[in-house]
Amino acid sequence: MQWGAFATFFVIGFGVSLISWLYAKDLLAYYGIGIFLGFVTNLIVRFAGVAVGGKLGEGLLEISAFRADGK
């Protein structure tokens, strides 16, 4: 079985059903606002950590960095 194809199908089905349910309940706007606020908060925390520097800034950069050596 192609698990990637199955997972894609499942995610699309779940996403469509979730969006349909939110739209029917008039909650789609609140869901979108929540995603937007989460994204903006993530950016603010990352920028603040980098601006502060020290271990906090280094930690955020290490978390977001892709290391080719697998470490």
C-alpha atoms as a PDB file:
ATOM      1  CA  MET A   1       0.000   0.000   0.000  1.00  0.00           C
ATOM      2  CA  GLN A   2       1.165   3.507  -0.795  1.00  0.00           C
ATOM      3  CA  TRP A   3       1.013   5.116   2.644  1.00  0.00           C
ATOM      4  CA  GLY A   4       1.816   8.581   1.293  1.00  0.00           C
ATOM      5  CA  ALA A   5      -1.171   8.436  -1.037  1.00  0.00           C
ATOM      6  CA  PHE A   6      -3.395   7.122   1.744  1.00  0.00           C
ATOM      7  CA  ALA A   7      -2.238   9.857   4.126  1.00  0.00           C
ATOM      8  CA  THR A   8      -2.837  12.520   1.470  1.00  0.00           C
ATOM      9  CA  PHE A   9      -6.329  11.223   0.819  1.00  0.00           C
ATOM     10  CA  PHE A  10      -7.064  11.112   4.547  1.00  0.00           C
ATOM     11  CA  VAL A  11      -5.757  14.641   5.148  1.00  0.00           C
ATOM     12  CA  ILE A  12      -7.765  16.060   2.231  1.00  0.00           C
ATOM     13  CA  GLY A  13     -10.909  14.278   3.390  1.00  0.00           C
ATOM     14  CA  PHE A  14     -10.426  15.424   6.966  1.00  0.00           C
ATOM     15  CA  GLY A  15      -9.660  18.993   5.880  1.00  0.00           C
ATOM     16  CA  VAL A  16     -12.702  19.219   3.617  1.00  0.00           C
ATOM     17  CA  SER A  17     -14.988  17.783   6.280  1.00  0.00           C
ATOM     18  CA  LEU A  18     -13.551  20.146   8.908  1.00  0.00           C
ATOM     19  CA  ILE A  19     -13.956  23.182   6.649  1.00  0.00           C
ATOM     20  CA  SER A  20     -17.485  22.102   5.739  1.00  0.00           C
ATOM     21  CA  TRP A  21     -18.393  21.688   9.412  1.00  0.00           C
ATOM     22  CA  LEU A  22     -16.871  25.052  10.337  1.00  0.00           C
ATOM     23  CA  TYR A  23     -18.671  26.751   7.459  1.00  0.00           C
ATOM     24  CA  ALA A  24     -21.990  25.198   8.450  1.00  0.00           C
ATOM     25  CA  LYS A  25     -21.535  26.365  12.033  1.00  0.00           C
ATOM     26  CA  ASP A  26     -20.320  29.861  10.955  1.00  0.00           C
ATOM     27  CA  LEU A  27     -16.986  29.198  12.684  1.00  0.00           C
ATOM     28  CA  LEU A  28     -14.729  29.312   9.616  1.00  0.00           C
ATOM     29  CA  ALA A  29     -13.773  32.955  10.193  1.00  0.00           C
ATOM     30  CA  TYR A  30     -12.784  32.238  13.806  1.00  0.00           C
ATOM     31  CA  TYR A  31     -10.716  29.244  12.706  1.00  0.00           C
ATOM     32  CA  GLY A  32      -8.885  31.400  10.153  1.00  0.00           C
ATOM     33  CA  ILE A  33      -8.295  34.149  12.707  1.00  0.00           C
ATOM     34  CA  GLY A  34      -6.851  31.579  15.117  1.00  0.00           C
ATOM     35  CA  ILE A  35      -4.427  30.273  12.487  1.00  0.00           C
ATOM     36  CA  PHE A  36      -3.364  33.827  11.613  1.00  0.00           C
ATOM     37  CA  LEU A  37      -2.820  34.800  15.254  1.00  0.00           C
ATOM     38  CA  GLY A  38      -0.808  31.628  15.880  1.00  0.00           C
ATOM     39  CA  PHE A  39       1.408  32.354  12.882  1.00  0.00           C
ATOM     40  CA  VAL A  40       1.990  35.970  13.890  1.00  0.00           C
ATOM     41  CA  THR A  41       2.729  34.980  17.499  1.00  0.00           C
ATOM     42  CA  ASN A  42       5.257  32.410  16.288  1.00  0.00           C
ATOM     43  CA  LEU A  43       7.033  35.079  14.216  1.00  0.00           C
ATOM     44  CA  ILE A  44       7.071  37.553  17.121  1.00  0.00           C
ATOM     45  CA  VAL A  45       8.559  34.966  19.497  1.00  0.00           C
ATOM     46  CA  ARG A  46      11.226  33.997  16.971  1.00  0.00           C
ATOM     47  CA  PHE A  47      12.208  37.588  16.208  1.00  0.00           C
ATOM     48  CA  ALA A  48      12.264  38.507  19.898  1.00  0.00           C
ATOM     49  CA  GLY A  49      14.480  35.521  20.689  1.00  0.00           C
ATOM     50  CA  VAL A  50      16.918  36.391  17.941  1.00  0.00           C
ATOM     51  CA  ALA A  51      16.948  40.077  18.938  1.00  0.00           C
ATOM     52  CA  VAL A  52      17.635  39.211  22.595  1.00  0.00           C
ATOM     53  CA  GLY A  53      20.456  36.943  21.512  1.00  0.00           C
ATOM     54  CA  GLY A  54      22.346  34.742  23.896  1.00  0.00           C
ATOM     55  CA  LYS A  55      21.169  31.190  24.475  1.00  0.00           C
ATOM     56  CA  LEU A  56      17.542  32.038  23.714  1.00  0.00           C
ATOM     57  CA  GLY A  57      18.353  33.351  20.254  1.00  0.00           C
ATOM     58  CA  GLU A  58      20.765  30.518  19.522  1.00  0.00           C
ATOM     59  CA  GLY A  59      18.193  27.937  20.573  1.00  0.00           C
ATOM     60  CA  LEU A  60      15.579  29.282  18.187  1.00  0.00           C
ATOM     61  CA  LEU A  61      18.072  29.401  15.350  1.00  0.00           C
ATOM     62  CA  GLU A  62      19.174  25.831  16.050  1.00  0.00           C
ATOM     63  CA  ILE A  63      15.604  24.598  16.138  1.00  0.00           C
ATOM     64  CA  SER A  64      14.822  26.173  12.759  1.00  0.00           C
ATOM     65  CA  ALA A  65      18.152  25.277  11.117  1.00  0.00           C
ATOM     66  CA  PHE A  66      18.548  22.306   8.805  1.00  0.00           C
ATOM     67  CA  ARG A  67      21.725  20.416   9.490  1.00  0.00           C
ATOM     68  CA  ALA A  68      23.103  18.283   6.702  1.00  0.00           C
ATOM     69  CA  ASP A  69      25.193  16.136   9.071  1.00  0.00           C
ATOM     70  CA  GLY A  70      22.072  14.799  10.810  1.00  0.00           C
ATOM     71  CA  LYS A  71      22.975  16.124  14.257  1.00  0.00           C
END
